[in-house]
Amino acid sequence: MIGYVADIEDLTCTNSDFRPVLYTGNKRGQLYTLYGPPNHPDRLDQRTKAEAVASNQHFDGKTTE
């Protein structure tokens, strides 16, 4: 098998190290980081920064899951 496959949620929850290196492969790969802060309601779509700044919508405590 080429690459590394694992349960990322389990690895994250059980990790106590600052930076564990689990796999070093070819540097041509790409890393994508998705961040969605928990202070916005589900399905909120703000297309510009100005629209986001002007918005008064806040997370109501109800999660999607």
N, C-alpha and C. Protein backbone atom coordinates (compact mmCIF):
# COMPACT_ATOMS: atom_id res chain seq x y z
N MET A 1 0.86 -1.19 0.00
CA MET A 1 0.00 0.00 0.00
C MET A 1 0.89 1.24 0.00
N ILE A 2 0.54 2.20 -0.80
CA ILE A 2 1.25 3.48 -0.82
C ILE A 2 0.37 4.48 -0.07
N GLY A 3 0.98 5.20 0.86
CA GLY A 3 0.24 6.18 1.63
C GLY A 3 0.00 5.70 3.05
N TYR A 4 -0.81 6.42 3.75
CA TYR A 4 -1.08 6.11 5.15
C TYR A 4 -2.57 6.26 5.38
N VAL A 5 -3.19 5.25 5.93
CA VAL A 5 -4.62 5.27 6.20
C VAL A 5 -4.83 4.95 7.66
N ALA A 6 -5.58 5.80 8.36
CA ALA A 6 -5.86 5.57 9.78
C ALA A 6 -7.11 6.34 10.17
N ASP A 7 -7.64 6.04 11.34
CA ASP A 7 -8.80 6.74 11.88
C ASP A 7 -8.31 8.05 12.49
N ILE A 8 -8.47 9.16 11.77
CA ILE A 8 -7.91 10.44 12.21
C ILE A 8 -8.56 10.92 13.51
N GLU A 9 -9.82 10.62 13.73
CA GLU A 9 -10.47 11.04 14.97
C GLU A 9 -9.86 10.32 16.17
N ASP A 10 -9.65 9.02 16.04
CA ASP A 10 -9.04 8.25 17.12
C ASP A 10 -7.61 8.73 17.39
N LEU A 11 -6.85 8.95 16.33
CA LEU A 11 -5.48 9.43 16.50
C LEU A 11 -5.44 10.80 17.17
N THR A 12 -6.37 11.66 16.83
CA THR A 12 -6.43 13.00 17.42
C THR A 12 -6.79 12.93 18.90
N CYS A 13 -7.77 12.12 19.23
CA CYS A 13 -8.24 12.04 20.61
C CYS A 13 -7.21 11.39 21.55
N THR A 14 -6.40 10.50 21.01
CA THR A 14 -5.42 9.80 21.85
C THR A 14 -4.02 10.39 21.77
N ASN A 15 -3.83 11.44 20.97
CA ASN A 15 -2.51 12.03 20.79
C ASN A 15 -2.13 12.89 21.99
N SER A 16 -0.92 12.66 22.51
CA SER A 16 -0.41 13.52 23.60
C SER A 16 0.88 14.21 23.19
N ASP A 17 1.29 14.04 21.95
CA ASP A 17 2.52 14.63 21.45
C ASP A 17 2.24 15.93 20.71
N PHE A 18 3.26 16.79 20.64
CA PHE A 18 3.11 18.04 19.89
C PHE A 18 3.00 17.78 18.40
N ARG A 19 3.90 16.94 17.86
CA ARG A 19 3.89 16.68 16.43
C ARG A 19 4.33 15.25 16.16
N PRO A 20 3.43 14.31 16.13
CA PRO A 20 3.83 12.94 15.78
C PRO A 20 3.91 12.80 14.25
N VAL A 21 5.01 12.27 13.77
CA VAL A 21 5.16 12.02 12.34
C VAL A 21 4.80 10.56 12.11
N LEU A 22 3.71 10.34 11.41
CA LEU A 22 3.21 8.99 11.19
C LEU A 22 3.60 8.43 9.83
N TYR A 23 3.86 9.31 8.89
CA TYR A 23 4.18 8.85 7.54
C TYR A 23 4.89 9.98 6.82
N THR A 24 5.98 9.66 6.18
CA THR A 24 6.69 10.62 5.35
C THR A 24 6.69 10.07 3.94
N GLY A 25 6.07 10.79 3.06
CA GLY A 25 5.96 10.31 1.68
C GLY A 25 6.49 11.34 0.71
N ASN A 26 6.20 11.19 -0.51
CA ASN A 26 6.59 12.09 -1.57
C ASN A 26 6.05 13.49 -1.30
N LYS A 27 6.85 14.71 -1.31
CA LYS A 27 6.46 16.09 -0.96
C LYS A 27 5.52 16.74 -1.95
N ARG A 28 5.18 16.00 -3.09
CA ARG A 28 4.25 16.51 -4.10
C ARG A 28 2.81 16.50 -3.62
N GLY A 29 2.55 15.88 -2.49
CA GLY A 29 1.19 15.81 -1.96
C GLY A 29 0.70 17.17 -1.49
N GLN A 30 -0.56 17.28 -1.21
CA GLN A 30 -1.15 18.52 -0.74
C GLN A 30 -1.87 18.27 0.57
N LEU A 31 -1.83 19.27 1.41
CA LEU A 31 -2.51 19.19 2.69
C LEU A 31 -3.61 20.24 2.71
N TYR A 32 -4.79 19.83 3.08
CA TYR A 32 -5.92 20.73 3.20
C TYR A 32 -6.35 20.76 4.65
N THR A 33 -6.50 21.94 5.20
CA THR A 33 -6.98 22.09 6.56
C THR A 33 -8.32 22.80 6.50
N LEU A 34 -9.32 22.19 7.07
CA LEU A 34 -10.66 22.78 7.10
C LEU A 34 -10.93 23.23 8.53
N TYR A 35 -11.38 24.45 8.67
CA TYR A 35 -11.66 24.97 9.99
C TYR A 35 -13.03 25.62 9.99
N GLY A 36 -13.85 25.19 10.88
CA GLY A 36 -15.17 25.78 11.03
C GLY A 36 -15.40 26.06 12.49
N PRO A 37 -15.20 27.30 12.93
CA PRO A 37 -15.37 27.59 14.35
C PRO A 37 -16.79 27.29 14.82
N PRO A 38 -16.95 26.89 16.06
CA PRO A 38 -18.26 26.50 16.57
C PRO A 38 -19.14 27.68 16.97
N ASN A 39 -18.80 28.86 16.51
CA ASN A 39 -19.61 30.02 16.90
C ASN A 39 -20.48 30.54 15.76
N HIS A 40 -20.77 29.68 14.79
CA HIS A 40 -21.64 30.06 13.69
C HIS A 40 -22.75 29.02 13.52
N PRO A 41 -23.95 29.44 13.18
CA PRO A 41 -25.04 28.48 12.97
C PRO A 41 -24.79 27.61 11.74
N ASP A 42 -25.39 26.43 11.73
CA ASP A 42 -25.28 25.49 10.63
C ASP A 42 -25.79 26.12 9.33
N ARG A 43 -25.09 25.81 8.27
CA ARG A 43 -25.45 26.23 6.91
C ARG A 43 -25.36 27.74 6.68
N LEU A 44 -24.62 28.44 7.51
CA LEU A 44 -24.42 29.88 7.32
C LEU A 44 -23.51 30.09 6.12
N ASP A 45 -23.89 30.97 5.22
CA ASP A 45 -23.10 31.25 4.02
C ASP A 45 -22.86 32.74 3.93
N GLN A 46 -21.65 33.15 4.20
CA GLN A 46 -21.26 34.56 4.11
C GLN A 46 -20.21 34.67 3.03
N ARG A 47 -20.53 35.31 1.95
CA ARG A 47 -19.67 35.32 0.78
C ARG A 47 -18.54 36.34 0.85
N THR A 48 -18.66 37.36 1.67
CA THR A 48 -17.60 38.36 1.78
C THR A 48 -17.31 38.64 3.25
N LYS A 49 -16.13 39.22 3.52
CA LYS A 49 -15.78 39.57 4.88
C LYS A 49 -16.73 40.64 5.41
N ALA A 50 -17.09 41.60 4.55
CA ALA A 50 -18.00 42.67 4.95
C ALA A 50 -19.35 42.10 5.39
N GLU A 51 -19.83 41.11 4.66
CA GLU A 51 -21.10 40.46 5.01
C GLU A 51 -20.98 39.75 6.36
N ALA A 52 -19.84 39.11 6.60
CA ALA A 52 -19.63 38.41 7.86
C ALA A 52 -19.55 39.38 9.03
N VAL A 53 -18.84 40.47 8.85
CA VAL A 53 -18.70 41.47 9.91
C VAL A 53 -20.05 42.10 10.25
N ALA A 54 -20.87 42.32 9.24
CA ALA A 54 -22.17 42.96 9.44
C ALA A 54 -23.21 42.00 10.03
N SER A 55 -22.94 40.71 9.97
CA SER A 55 -23.90 39.71 10.44
C SER A 55 -24.01 39.71 11.96
N ASN A 56 -25.20 39.46 12.44
CA ASN A 56 -25.41 39.33 13.89
C ASN A 56 -25.81 37.90 14.26
N GLN A 57 -25.61 36.96 13.34
CA GLN A 57 -25.98 35.57 13.60
C GLN A 57 -24.90 34.90 14.44
N HIS A 58 -25.33 34.13 15.43
CA HIS A 58 -24.40 33.44 16.31
C HIS A 58 -24.88 32.01 16.52
N PHE A 59 -23.96 31.15 16.90
CA PHE A 59 -24.24 29.75 17.16
C PHE A 59 -25.25 29.64 18.30
N ASP A 60 -26.30 28.86 18.08
CA ASP A 60 -27.37 28.73 19.08
C ASP A 60 -27.19 27.50 19.97
N GLY A 61 -26.07 26.80 19.82
CA GLY A 61 -25.81 25.63 20.65
C GLY A 61 -26.30 24.32 20.07
N LYS A 62 -27.03 24.36 18.96
CA LYS A 62 -27.53 23.14 18.32
C LYS A 62 -26.57 22.70 17.25
N THR A 63 -26.02 21.49 17.37
CA THR A 63 -25.08 20.97 16.39
C THR A 63 -25.79 20.21 15.30
N THR A 64 -25.10 20.03 14.19
CA THR A 64 -25.66 19.30 13.05
C THR A 64 -25.79 17.82 13.37
N GLU A 65 -24.84 17.27 14.12
CA GLU A 65 -24.83 15.84 14.42
C GLU A 65 -25.60 15.53 15.66
